[in-house]
Amino acid sequence: MLLKNRSGKAVKSRAHAPIFAALGDETRLSLVAKLCDGQPCSISQLTLGSRLTRQAITKHLRVLEKAELVRSAHVGRESLFELNPEPIDEMKKYLDRVSELWDRKFARLKSLVEGT
């Protein structure tokens, strides 16, 4: 689907697909929520309160990392993960543009139906 913003510039929806796909899983959403405070967390910290194994959490983190939603760094023997807010900010801008597009379409439909 090709969207255009007010200035007529094309908005790339495909660029956001990996982000939506990554966030489409309850466990990954939970991991993103845990990382929202800005503090890097180890896999052990992220596993706390979960029924999942460290290996399962690691697989979910790799999906988030591939979508560039999280970054990891090795500190000693541990990997620390932190949220990368840039893709989420870009996704929000995209959703705002989609919402604006639909608002305009509904306004046109309303005026057509009402005959104004």
PDB file of N, CA and C in Angstrom:
ATOM      1  N   MET A   1       0.849  -1.173   0.000  1.00  0.00           N
ATOM      2  CA  MET A   1       0.000   0.000   0.000  1.00  0.00           C
ATOM      3  C   MET A   1       0.888   1.226   0.000  1.00  0.00           C
ATOM      4  N   LEU A   2       0.661   2.139  -0.920  1.00  0.00           N
ATOM      5  CA  LEU A   2       1.454   3.353  -1.016  1.00  0.00           C
ATOM      6  C   LEU A   2       0.628   4.515  -0.522  1.00  0.00           C
ATOM      7  N   LEU A   3       1.103   5.138   0.539  1.00  0.00           N
ATOM      8  CA  LEU A   3       0.435   6.297   1.098  1.00  0.00           C
ATOM      9  C   LEU A   3       1.227   7.536   0.772  1.00  0.00           C
ATOM     10  N   LYS A   4       0.536   8.662   0.732  1.00  0.00           N
ATOM     11  CA  LYS A   4       1.212   9.933   0.527  1.00  0.00           C
ATOM     12  C   LYS A   4       0.823  10.865   1.660  1.00  0.00           C
ATOM     13  N   ASN A   5       1.807  11.634   2.125  1.00  0.00           N
ATOM     14  CA  ASN A   5       1.496  12.602   3.157  1.00  0.00           C
ATOM     15  C   ASN A   5       0.958  13.874   2.520  1.00  0.00           C
ATOM     16  N   ARG A   6       0.720  14.911   3.308  1.00  0.00           N
ATOM     17  CA  ARG A   6       0.135  16.158   2.793  1.00  0.00           C
ATOM     18  C   ARG A   6       0.925  16.771   1.653  1.00  0.00           C
ATOM     19  N   SER A   7       2.232  16.663   1.719  1.00  0.00           N
ATOM     20  CA  SER A   7       3.073  17.268   0.683  1.00  0.00           C
ATOM     21  C   SER A   7       3.187  16.379  -0.553  1.00  0.00           C
ATOM     22  N   GLY A   8       2.515  15.230  -0.543  1.00  0.00           N
ATOM     23  CA  GLY A   8       2.534  14.338  -1.696  1.00  0.00           C
ATOM     24  C   GLY A   8       3.699  13.357  -1.697  1.00  0.00           C
ATOM     25  N   LYS A   9       4.518  13.402  -0.652  1.00  0.00           N
ATOM     26  CA  LYS A   9       5.664  12.500  -0.556  1.00  0.00           C
ATOM     27  C   LYS A   9       5.188  11.096  -0.170  1.00  0.00           C
ATOM     28  N   ALA A  10       5.710  10.092  -0.868  1.00  0.00           N
ATOM     29  CA  ALA A  10       5.312   8.703  -0.597  1.00  0.00           C
ATOM     30  C   ALA A  10       5.800   8.266   0.776  1.00  0.00           C
ATOM     31  N   VAL A  11       4.959   7.540   1.466  1.00  0.00           N
ATOM     32  CA  VAL A  11       5.278   7.001   2.781  1.00  0.00           C
ATOM     33  C   VAL A  11       5.491   5.505   2.610  1.00  0.00           C
ATOM     34  N   LYS A  12       6.641   5.013   3.020  1.00  0.00           N
ATOM     35  CA  LYS A  12       6.991   3.603   2.833  1.00  0.00           C
ATOM     36  C   LYS A  12       6.405   2.759   3.956  1.00  0.00           C
ATOM     37  N   SER A  13       5.322   2.060   3.667  1.00  0.00           N
ATOM     38  CA  SER A  13       4.697   1.224   4.688  1.00  0.00           C
ATOM     39  C   SER A  13       5.463  -0.074   4.892  1.00  0.00           C
ATOM     40  N   ARG A  14       6.145  -0.557   3.863  1.00  0.00           N
ATOM     41  CA  ARG A  14       6.886  -1.822   3.994  1.00  0.00           C
ATOM     42  C   ARG A  14       8.017  -1.720   5.003  1.00  0.00           C
ATOM     43  N   ALA A  15       8.570  -0.536   5.169  1.00  0.00           N
ATOM     44  CA  ALA A  15       9.665  -0.359   6.118  1.00  0.00           C
ATOM     45  C   ALA A  15       9.204  -0.623   7.544  1.00  0.00           C
ATOM     46  N   HIS A  16       7.917  -0.491   7.805  1.00  0.00           N
ATOM     47  CA  HIS A  16       7.392  -0.666   9.153  1.00  0.00           C
ATOM     48  C   HIS A  16       6.886  -2.078   9.415  1.00  0.00           C
ATOM     49  N   ALA A  17       6.770  -2.881   8.396  1.00  0.00           N
ATOM     50  CA  ALA A  17       6.233  -4.236   8.550  1.00  0.00           C
ATOM     51  C   ALA A  17       7.006  -5.077   9.568  1.00  0.00           C
ATOM     52  N   PRO A  18       8.353  -5.075   9.559  1.00  0.00           N
ATOM     53  CA  PRO A  18       9.064  -5.880  10.563  1.00  0.00           C
ATOM     54  C   PRO A  18       8.794  -5.421  11.994  1.00  0.00           C
ATOM     55  N   ILE A  19       8.560  -4.136  12.170  1.00  0.00           N
ATOM     56  CA  ILE A  19       8.279  -3.618  13.509  1.00  0.00           C
ATOM     57  C   ILE A  19       6.914  -4.105  13.972  1.00  0.00           C
ATOM     58  N   PHE A  20       5.899  -3.973  13.093  1.00  0.00           N
ATOM     59  CA  PHE A  20       4.567  -4.463  13.444  1.00  0.00           C
ATOM     60  C   PHE A  20       4.600  -5.964  13.700  1.00  0.00           C
ATOM     61  N   ALA A  21       5.323  -6.701  12.884  1.00  0.00           N
ATOM     62  CA  ALA A  21       5.413  -8.155  13.059  1.00  0.00           C
ATOM     63  C   ALA A  21       6.069  -8.502  14.388  1.00  0.00           C
ATOM     64  N   ALA A  22       7.130  -7.802  14.718  1.00  0.00           N
ATOM     65  CA  ALA A  22       7.836  -8.073  15.975  1.00  0.00           C
ATOM     66  C   ALA A  22       6.965  -7.753  17.183  1.00  0.00           C
ATOM     67  N   LEU A  23       6.194  -6.677  17.082  1.00  0.00           N
ATOM     68  CA  LEU A  23       5.353  -6.271  18.207  1.00  0.00           C
ATOM     69  C   LEU A  23       4.016  -7.009  18.239  1.00  0.00           C
ATOM     70  N   GLY A  24       3.781  -7.857  17.253  1.00  0.00           N
ATOM     71  CA  GLY A  24       2.534  -8.606  17.187  1.00  0.00           C
ATOM     72  C   GLY A  24       2.488  -9.802  18.107  1.00  0.00           C
ATOM     73  N   ASP A  25       3.484  -9.960  18.931  1.00  0.00           N
ATOM     74  CA  ASP A  25       3.555 -11.087  19.858  1.00  0.00           C
ATOM     75  C   ASP A  25       3.494 -10.558  21.290  1.00  0.00           C
ATOM     76  N   GLU A  26       2.662 -11.157  22.106  1.00  0.00           N
ATOM     77  CA  GLU A  26       2.461 -10.708  23.490  1.00  0.00           C
ATOM     78  C   GLU A  26       3.756 -10.720  24.307  1.00  0.00           C
ATOM     79  N   THR A  27       4.561 -11.753  24.123  1.00  0.00           N
ATOM     80  CA  THR A  27       5.817 -11.841  24.872  1.00  0.00           C
ATOM     81  C   THR A  27       6.758 -10.710  24.486  1.00  0.00           C
ATOM     82  N   ARG A  28       6.862 -10.430  23.199  1.00  0.00           N
ATOM     83  CA  ARG A  28       7.757  -9.356  22.758  1.00  0.00           C
ATOM     84  C   ARG A  28       7.249  -7.993  23.223  1.00  0.00           C
ATOM     85  N   LEU A  29       5.929  -7.807  23.217  1.00  0.00           N
ATOM     86  CA  LEU A  29       5.370  -6.560  23.753  1.00  0.00           C
ATOM     87  C   LEU A  29       5.730  -6.407  25.226  1.00  0.00           C
ATOM     88  N   SER A  30       5.671  -7.508  25.947  1.00  0.00           N
ATOM     89  CA  SER A  30       6.031  -7.495  27.366  1.00  0.00           C
ATOM     90  C   SER A  30       7.505  -7.136  27.557  1.00  0.00           C
ATOM     91  N   LEU A  31       8.367  -7.674  26.711  1.00  0.00           N
ATOM     92  CA  LEU A  31       9.791  -7.355  26.798  1.00  0.00           C
ATOM     93  C   LEU A  31      10.042  -5.878  26.498  1.00  0.00           C
ATOM     94  N   VAL A  32       9.362  -5.349  25.495  1.00  0.00           N
ATOM     95  CA  VAL A  32       9.508  -3.921  25.169  1.00  0.00           C
ATOM     96  C   VAL A  32       9.048  -3.077  26.353  1.00  0.00           C
ATOM     97  N   ALA A  33       7.944  -3.467  26.986  1.00  0.00           N
ATOM     98  CA  ALA A  33       7.441  -2.732  28.149  1.00  0.00           C
ATOM     99  C   ALA A  33       8.463  -2.741  29.284  1.00  0.00           C
ATOM    100  N   LYS A  34       9.124  -3.885  29.489  1.00  0.00           N
ATOM    101  CA  LYS A  34      10.138  -3.973  30.543  1.00  0.00           C
ATOM    102  C   LYS A  34      11.341  -3.079  30.247  1.00  0.00           C
ATOM    103  N   LEU A  35      11.606  -2.840  28.971  1.00  0.00           N
ATOM    104  CA  LEU A  35      12.773  -2.032  28.595  1.00  0.00           C
ATOM    105  C   LEU A  35      12.443  -0.539  28.450  1.00  0.00           C
ATOM    106  N   CYS A  36      11.187  -0.192  28.625  1.00  0.00           N
ATOM    107  CA  CYS A  36      10.758   1.197  28.411  1.00  0.00           C
ATOM    108  C   CYS A  36      11.326   2.197  29.416  1.00  0.00           C
ATOM    109  N   ASP A  37      11.814   1.736  30.544  1.00  0.00           N
ATOM    110  CA  ASP A  37      12.334   2.682  31.534  1.00  0.00           C
ATOM    111  C   ASP A  37      13.715   3.212  31.166  1.00  0.00           C
ATOM    112  N   GLY A  38      14.281   2.702  30.077  1.00  0.00           N
ATOM    113  CA  GLY A  38      15.566   3.206  29.606  1.00  0.00           C
ATOM    114  C   GLY A  38      16.783   2.519  30.197  1.00  0.00           C
ATOM    115  N   GLN A  39      16.559   1.590  31.114  1.00  0.00           N
ATOM    116  CA  GLN A  39      17.672   0.883  31.744  1.00  0.00           C
ATOM    117  C   GLN A  39      17.952  -0.424  31.011  1.00  0.00           C
ATOM    118  N   PRO A  40      19.204  -0.667  30.631  1.00  0.00           N
ATOM    119  CA  PRO A  40      19.546  -1.946  30.005  1.00  0.00           C
ATOM    120  C   PRO A  40      19.280  -3.096  30.981  1.00  0.00           C
ATOM    121  N   CYS A  41      18.814  -4.212  30.450  1.00  0.00           N
ATOM    122  CA  CYS A  41      18.502  -5.384  31.272  1.00  0.00           C
ATOM    123  C   CYS A  41      19.182  -6.615  30.705  1.00  0.00           C
ATOM    124  N   SER A  42      19.557  -7.498  31.609  1.00  0.00           N
ATOM    125  CA  SER A  42      20.120  -8.787  31.201  1.00  0.00           C
ATOM    126  C   SER A  42      18.977  -9.739  30.873  1.00  0.00           C
ATOM    127  N   ILE A  43      19.321 -10.844  30.243  1.00  0.00           N
ATOM    128  CA  ILE A  43      18.312 -11.854  29.930  1.00  0.00           C
ATOM    129  C   ILE A  43      17.711 -12.396  31.226  1.00  0.00           C
ATOM    130  N   SER A  44      18.525 -12.547  32.253  1.00  0.00           N
ATOM    131  CA  SER A  44      18.014 -13.017  33.548  1.00  0.00           C
ATOM    132  C   SER A  44      16.966 -12.062  34.102  1.00  0.00           C
ATOM    133  N   GLN A  45      17.238 -10.769  34.034  1.00  0.00           N
ATOM    134  CA  GLN A  45      16.274  -9.773  34.518  1.00  0.00           C
ATOM    135  C   GLN A  45      14.990  -9.808  33.694  1.00  0.00           C
ATOM    136  N   LEU A  46      15.122  -9.980  32.391  1.00  0.00           N
ATOM    137  CA  LEU A  46      13.953  -9.994  31.526  1.00  0.00           C
ATOM    138  C   LEU A  46      13.144 -11.276  31.665  1.00  0.00           C
ATOM    139  N   THR A  47      13.769 -12.331  32.156  1.00  0.00           N
ATOM    140  CA  THR A  47      13.082 -13.611  32.343  1.00  0.00           C
ATOM    141  C   THR A  47      12.269 -13.634  33.640  1.00  0.00           C
ATOM    142  N   LEU A  48      12.638 -12.789  34.604  1.00  0.00           N
ATOM    143  CA  LEU A  48      11.923 -12.750  35.886  1.00  0.00           C
ATOM    144  C   LEU A  48      10.433 -12.517  35.662  1.00  0.00           C
ATOM    145  N   GLY A  49       9.615 -13.295  36.346  1.00  0.00           N
ATOM    146  CA  GLY A  49       8.168 -13.146  36.245  1.00  0.00           C
ATOM    147  C   GLY A  49       7.565 -13.781  35.003  1.00  0.00           C
ATOM    148  N   SER A  50       8.385 -14.469  34.229  1.00  0.00           N
ATOM    149  CA  SER A  50       7.905 -15.114  33.009  1.00  0.00           C
ATOM    150  C   SER A  50       7.967 -16.620  33.186  1.00  0.00           C
ATOM    151  N   ARG A  51       7.096 -17.301  32.508  1.00  0.00           N
ATOM    152  CA  ARG A  51       7.125 -18.774  32.530  1.00  0.00           C
ATOM    153  C   ARG A  51       8.089 -19.313  31.476  1.00  0.00           C
ATOM    154  N   LEU A  52       8.629 -18.420  30.667  1.00  0.00           N
ATOM    155  CA  LEU A  52       9.507 -18.838  29.576  1.00  0.00           C
ATOM    156  C   LEU A  52      10.934 -19.058  30.058  1.00  0.00           C
ATOM    157  N   THR A  53      11.650 -19.875  29.329  1.00  0.00           N
ATOM    158  CA  THR A  53      13.066 -20.128  29.630  1.00  0.00           C
ATOM    159  C   THR A  53      13.917 -18.973  29.111  1.00  0.00           C
ATOM    160  N   ARG A  54      15.136 -18.935  29.563  1.00  0.00           N
ATOM    161  CA  ARG A  54      16.081 -17.916  29.072  1.00  0.00           C
ATOM    162  C   ARG A  54      16.265 -18.049  27.559  1.00  0.00           C
ATOM    163  N   GLN A  55      16.289 -19.283  27.074  1.00  0.00           N
ATOM    164  CA  GLN A  55      16.462 -19.508  25.639  1.00  0.00           C
ATOM    165  C   GLN A  55      15.284 -18.944  24.847  1.00  0.00           C
ATOM    166  N   ALA A  56      14.071 -19.134  25.356  1.00  0.00           N
ATOM    167  CA  ALA A  56      12.879 -18.603  24.674  1.00  0.00           C
ATOM    168  C   ALA A  56      12.900 -17.078  24.683  1.00  0.00           C
ATOM    169  N   ILE A  57      13.266 -16.487  25.807  1.00  0.00           N
ATOM    170  CA  ILE A  57      13.366 -15.017  25.895  1.00  0.00           C
ATOM    171  C   ILE A  57      14.417 -14.520  24.920  1.00  0.00           C
ATOM    172  N   THR A  58      15.533 -15.234  24.836  1.00  0.00           N
ATOM    173  CA  THR A  58      16.604 -14.846  23.907  1.00  0.00           C
ATOM    174  C   THR A  58      16.106 -14.853  22.468  1.00  0.00           C
ATOM    175  N   LYS A  59      15.326 -15.861  22.094  1.00  0.00           N
ATOM    176  CA  LYS A  59      14.782 -15.915  20.728  1.00  0.00           C
ATOM    177  C   LYS A  59      13.890 -14.704  20.455  1.00  0.00           C
ATOM    178  N   HIS A  60      13.059 -14.346  21.420  1.00  0.00           N
ATOM    179  CA  HIS A  60      12.199 -13.173  21.253  1.00  0.00           C
ATOM    180  C   HIS A  60      13.027 -11.890  21.161  1.00  0.00           C
ATOM    181  N   LEU A  61      14.068 -11.813  21.952  1.00  0.00           N
ATOM    182  CA  LEU A  61      14.940 -10.629  21.898  1.00  0.00           C
ATOM    183  C   LEU A  61      15.635 -10.514  20.541  1.00  0.00           C
ATOM    184  N   ARG A  62      15.991 -11.641  19.960  1.00  0.00           N
ATOM    185  CA  ARG A  62      16.635 -11.625  18.632  1.00  0.00           C
ATOM    186  C   ARG A  62      15.677 -11.098  17.564  1.00  0.00           C
ATOM    187  N   VAL A  63      14.397 -11.450  17.681  1.00  0.00           N
ATOM    188  CA  VAL A  63      13.396 -10.927  16.747  1.00  0.00           C
ATOM    189  C   VAL A  63      13.290  -9.410  16.903  1.00  0.00           C
ATOM    190  N   LEU A  64      13.253  -8.950  18.149  1.00  0.00           N
ATOM    191  CA  LEU A  64      13.189  -7.508  18.409  1.00  0.00           C
ATOM    192  C   LEU A  64      14.450  -6.803  17.931  1.00  0.00           C
ATOM    193  N   GLU A  65      15.576  -7.477  18.069  1.00  0.00           N
ATOM    194  CA  GLU A  65      16.849  -6.914  17.622  1.00  0.00           C
ATOM    195  C   GLU A  65      16.886  -6.826  16.095  1.00  0.00           C
ATOM    196  N   LYS A  66      16.388  -7.842  15.431  1.00  0.00           N
ATOM    197  CA  LYS A  66      16.357  -7.843  13.966  1.00  0.00           C
ATOM    198  C   LYS A  66      15.470  -6.707  13.441  1.00  0.00           C
ATOM    199  N   ALA A  67      14.405  -6.397  14.162  1.00  0.00           N
ATOM    200  CA  ALA A  67      13.512  -5.291  13.791  1.00  0.00           C
ATOM    201  C   ALA A  67      14.071  -3.950  14.275  1.00  0.00           C
ATOM    202  N   GLU A  68      15.246  -4.000  14.887  1.00  0.00           N
ATOM    203  CA  GLU A  68      15.955  -2.820  15.401  1.00  0.00           C
ATOM    204  C   GLU A  68      15.205  -2.112  16.528  1.00  0.00           C
ATOM    205  N   LEU A  69      14.363  -2.864  17.240  1.00  0.00           N
ATOM    206  CA  LEU A  69      13.643  -2.300  18.376  1.00  0.00           C
ATOM    207  C   LEU A  69      14.462  -2.357  19.657  1.00  0.00           C
ATOM    208  N   VAL A  70      15.403  -3.286  19.720  1.00  0.00           N
ATOM    209  CA  VAL A  70      16.317  -3.361  20.858  1.00  0.00           C
ATOM    210  C   VAL A  70      17.748  -3.475  20.347  1.00  0.00           C
ATOM    211  N   ARG A  71      18.646  -3.060  21.229  1.00  0.00           N
ATOM    212  CA  ARG A  71      20.089  -3.189  20.960  1.00  0.00           C
ATOM    213  C   ARG A  71      20.682  -4.004  22.103  1.00  0.00           C
ATOM    214  N   SER A  72      21.761  -4.697  21.793  1.00  0.00           N
ATOM    215  CA  SER A  72      22.416  -5.465  22.845  1.00  0.00           C
ATOM    216  C   SER A  72      23.894  -5.111  22.899  1.00  0.00           C
ATOM    217  N   ALA A  73      24.437  -5.275  24.084  1.00  0.00           N
ATOM    218  CA  ALA A  73      25.867  -5.064  24.297  1.00  0.00           C
ATOM    219  C   ALA A  73      26.346  -6.126  25.276  1.00  0.00           C
ATOM    220  N   HIS A  74      27.539  -6.618  25.041  1.00  0.00           N
ATOM    221  CA  HIS A  74      28.108  -7.619  25.944  1.00  0.00           C
ATOM    222  C   HIS A  74      28.896  -6.909  27.031  1.00  0.00           C
ATOM    223  N   VAL A  75      28.572  -7.242  28.278  1.00  0.00           N
ATOM    224  CA  VAL A  75      29.278  -6.715  29.438  1.00  0.00           C
ATOM    225  C   VAL A  75      29.707  -7.929  30.250  1.00  0.00           C
ATOM    226  N   GLY A  76      30.990  -8.228  30.172  1.00  0.00           N
ATOM    227  CA  GLY A  76      31.482  -9.454  30.802  1.00  0.00           C
ATOM    228  C   GLY A  76      30.867 -10.661  30.122  1.00  0.00           C
ATOM    229  N   ARG A  77      30.225 -11.510  30.911  1.00  0.00           N
ATOM    230  CA  ARG A  77      29.595 -12.714  30.351  1.00  0.00           C
ATOM    231  C   ARG A  77      28.128 -12.490  30.003  1.00  0.00           C
ATOM    232  N   GLU A  78      27.613 -11.314  30.322  1.00  0.00           N
ATOM    233  CA  GLU A  78      26.192 -11.054  30.091  1.00  0.00           C
ATOM    234  C   GLU A  78      25.960 -10.203  28.852  1.00  0.00           C
ATOM    235  N   SER A  79      24.794 -10.399  28.278  1.00  0.00           N
ATOM    236  CA  SER A  79      24.316  -9.502  27.233  1.00  0.00           C
ATOM    237  C   SER A  79      23.264  -8.607  27.865  1.00  0.00           C
ATOM    238  N   LEU A  80      23.432  -7.312  27.668  1.00  0.00           N
ATOM    239  CA  LEU A  80      22.454  -6.356  28.168  1.00  0.00           C
ATOM    240  C   LEU A  80      21.659  -5.829  26.987  1.00  0.00           C
ATOM    241  N   PHE A  81      20.354  -5.736  27.159  1.00  0.00           N
ATOM    242  CA  PHE A  81      19.467  -5.277  26.097  1.00  0.00           C
ATOM    243  C   PHE A  81      18.838  -3.959  26.505  1.00  0.00           C
ATOM    244  N   GLU A  82      18.724  -3.067  25.525  1.00  0.00           N
ATOM    245  CA  GLU A  82      18.050  -1.799  25.776  1.00  0.00           C
ATOM    246  C   GLU A  82      17.149  -1.465  24.593  1.00  0.00           C
ATOM    247  N   LEU A  83      16.121  -0.690  24.878  1.00  0.00           N
ATOM    248  CA  LEU A  83      15.158  -0.301  23.861  1.00  0.00           C
ATOM    249  C   LEU A  83      15.765   0.736  22.934  1.00  0.00           C
ATOM    250  N   ASN A  84      15.509   0.594  21.652  1.00  0.00           N
ATOM    251  CA  ASN A  84      15.877   1.605  20.668  1.00  0.00           C
ATOM    252  C   ASN A  84      14.575   2.317  20.293  1.00  0.00           C
ATOM    253  N   PRO A  85      14.351   3.542  20.775  1.00  0.00           N
ATOM    254  CA  PRO A  85      13.063   4.199  20.561  1.00  0.00           C
ATOM    255  C   PRO A  85      12.841   4.727  19.143  1.00  0.00           C
ATOM    256  N   GLU A  86      13.875   4.834  18.342  1.00  0.00           N
ATOM    257  CA  GLU A  86      13.744   5.433  17.008  1.00  0.00           C
ATOM    258  C   GLU A  86      12.725   4.712  16.116  1.00  0.00           C
ATOM    259  N   PRO A  87      12.750   3.384  15.993  1.00  0.00           N
ATOM    260  CA  PRO A  87      11.740   2.724  15.148  1.00  0.00           C
ATOM    261  C   PRO A  87      10.314   2.938  15.653  1.00  0.00           C
ATOM    262  N   ILE A  88      10.145   3.007  16.964  1.00  0.00           N
ATOM    263  CA  ILE A  88       8.814   3.233  17.516  1.00  0.00           C
ATOM    264  C   ILE A  88       8.352   4.653  17.196  1.00  0.00           C
ATOM    265  N   ASP A  89       9.264   5.618  17.278  1.00  0.00           N
ATOM    266  CA  ASP A  89       8.927   6.998  16.906  1.00  0.00           C
ATOM    267  C   ASP A  89       8.543   7.083  15.436  1.00  0.00           C
ATOM    268  N   GLU A  90       9.282   6.384  14.581  1.00  0.00           N
ATOM    269  CA  GLU A  90       8.969   6.384  13.149  1.00  0.00           C
ATOM    270  C   GLU A  90       7.627   5.697  12.880  1.00  0.00           C
ATOM    271  N   MET A  91       7.361   4.619  13.605  1.00  0.00           N
ATOM    272  CA  MET A  91       6.098   3.909  13.447  1.00  0.00           C
ATOM    273  C   MET A  91       4.933   4.797  13.879  1.00  0.00           C
ATOM    274  N   LYS A  92       5.127   5.562  14.949  1.00  0.00           N
ATOM    275  CA  LYS A  92       4.083   6.478  15.407  1.00  0.00           C
ATOM    276  C   LYS A  92       3.809   7.541  14.349  1.00  0.00           C
ATOM    277  N   LYS A  93       4.853   8.077  13.739  1.00  0.00           N
ATOM    278  CA  LYS A  93       4.666   9.061  12.672  1.00  0.00           C
ATOM    279  C   LYS A  93       3.909   8.444  11.501  1.00  0.00           C
ATOM    280  N   TYR A  94       4.249   7.212  11.168  1.00  0.00           N
ATOM    281  CA  TYR A  94       3.562   6.511  10.089  1.00  0.00           C
ATOM    282  C   TYR A  94       2.075   6.343  10.418  1.00  0.00           C
ATOM    283  N   LEU A  95       1.781   5.900  11.645  1.00  0.00           N
ATOM    284  CA  LEU A  95       0.395   5.702  12.044  1.00  0.00           C
ATOM    285  C   LEU A  95      -0.369   7.024  12.064  1.00  0.00           C
ATOM    286  N   ASP A  96       0.307   8.101  12.452  1.00  0.00           N
ATOM    287  CA  ASP A  96      -0.319   9.428  12.408  1.00  0.00           C
ATOM    288  C   ASP A  96      -0.687   9.804  10.975  1.00  0.00           C
ATOM    289  N   ARG A  97       0.204   9.495  10.028  1.00  0.00           N
ATOM    290  CA  ARG A  97      -0.081   9.801   8.619  1.00  0.00           C
ATOM    291  C   ARG A  97      -1.232   8.948   8.093  1.00  0.00           C
ATOM    292  N   VAL A  98      -1.263   7.683   8.467  1.00  0.00           N
ATOM    293  CA  VAL A  98      -2.354   6.811   8.046  1.00  0.00           C
ATOM    294  C   VAL A  98      -3.673   7.326   8.628  1.00  0.00           C
ATOM    295  N   SER A  99      -3.650   7.701   9.889  1.00  0.00           N
ATOM    296  CA  SER A  99      -4.845   8.227  10.542  1.00  0.00           C
ATOM    297  C   SER A  99      -5.328   9.504   9.854  1.00  0.00           C
ATOM    298  N   GLU A 100      -4.401  10.372   9.519  1.00  0.00           N
ATOM    299  CA  GLU A 100      -4.735  11.619   8.818  1.00  0.00           C
ATOM    300  C   GLU A 100      -5.363  11.314   7.457  1.00  0.00           C
ATOM    301  N   LEU A 101      -4.789  10.350   6.761  1.00  0.00           N
ATOM    302  CA  LEU A 101      -5.321   9.951   5.453  1.00  0.00           C
ATOM    303  C   LEU A 101      -6.764   9.464   5.588  1.00  0.00           C
ATOM    304  N   TRP A 102      -7.034   8.610   6.560  1.00  0.00           N
ATOM    305  CA  TRP A 102      -8.384   8.089   6.759  1.00  0.00           C
ATOM    306  C   TRP A 102      -9.339   9.191   7.203  1.00  0.00           C
ATOM    307  N   ASP A 103      -8.864  10.105   8.027  1.00  0.00           N
ATOM    308  CA  ASP A 103      -9.713  11.230   8.439  1.00  0.00           C
ATOM    309  C   ASP A 103     -10.163  12.035   7.224  1.00  0.00           C
ATOM    310  N   ARG A 104      -9.235  12.284   6.298  1.00  0.00           N
ATOM    311  CA  ARG A 104      -9.581  13.043   5.084  1.00  0.00           C
ATOM    312  C   ARG A 104     -10.565  12.249   4.223  1.00  0.00           C
ATOM    313  N   LYS A 105     -10.335  10.943   4.101  1.00  0.00           N
ATOM    314  CA  LYS A 105     -11.237  10.111   3.294  1.00  0.00           C
ATOM    315  C   LYS A 105     -12.642  10.092   3.888  1.00  0.00           C
ATOM    316  N   PHE A 106     -12.736   9.958   5.200  1.00  0.00           N
ATOM    317  CA  PHE A 106     -14.047   9.956   5.835  1.00  0.00           C
ATOM    318  C   PHE A 106     -14.729  11.321   5.708  1.00  0.00           C
ATOM    319  N   ALA A 107     -13.967  12.388   5.784  1.00  0.00           N
ATOM    320  CA  ALA A 107     -14.538  13.726   5.619  1.00  0.00           C
ATOM    321  C   ALA A 107     -15.099  13.897   4.211  1.00  0.00           C
ATOM    322  N   ARG A 108     -14.362  13.387   3.205  1.00  0.00           N
ATOM    323  CA  ARG A 108     -14.859  13.451   1.821  1.00  0.00           C
ATOM    324  C   ARG A 108     -16.126  12.621   1.660  1.00  0.00           C
ATOM    325  N   LEU A 109     -16.132  11.439   2.246  1.00  0.00           N
ATOM    326  CA  LEU A 109     -17.298  10.571   2.165  1.00  0.00           C
ATOM    327  C   LEU A 109     -18.497  11.242   2.835  1.00  0.00           C
ATOM    328  N   LYS A 110     -18.262  11.829   3.992  1.00  0.00           N
ATOM    329  CA  LYS A 110     -19.337  12.511   4.716  1.00  0.00           C
ATOM    330  C   LYS A 110     -19.922  13.638   3.863  1.00  0.00           C
ATOM    331  N   SER A 111     -19.054  14.446   3.274  1.00  0.00           N
ATOM    332  CA  SER A 111     -19.558  15.558   2.459  1.00  0.00           C
ATOM    333  C   SER A 111     -20.284  15.047   1.215  1.00  0.00           C
ATOM    334  N   LEU A 112     -19.846  13.928   0.672  1.00  0.00           N
ATOM    335  CA  LEU A 112     -20.519  13.337  -0.483  1.00  0.00           C
ATOM    336  C   LEU A 112     -21.895  12.822  -0.095  1.00  0.00           C
ATOM    337  N   VAL A 113     -21.986  12.140   1.038  1.00  0.00           N
ATOM    338  CA  VAL A 113     -23.245  11.576   1.500  1.00  0.00           C
ATOM    339  C   VAL A 113     -24.219  12.683   1.895  1.00  0.00           C
ATOM    340  N   GLU A 114     -23.699  13.707   2.571  1.00  0.00           N
ATOM    341  CA  GLU A 114     -24.559  14.798   3.026  1.00  0.00           C
ATOM    342  C   GLU A 114     -24.843  15.802   1.929  1.00  0.00           C
ATOM    343  N   GLY A 115     -24.111  15.713   0.824  1.00  0.00           N
ATOM    344  CA  GLY A 115     -24.330  16.614  -0.294  1.00  0.00           C
ATOM    345  C   GLY A 115     -23.826  18.024  -0.069  1.00  0.00           C
ATOM    346  N   THR A 116     -22.791  18.161   0.770  1.00  0.00           N
ATOM    347  CA  THR A 116     -22.247  19.504   1.040  1.00  0.00           C
ATOM    348  C   THR A 116     -21.034  19.783   0.194  1.00  0.00           C
TER     349      THR A 116
END
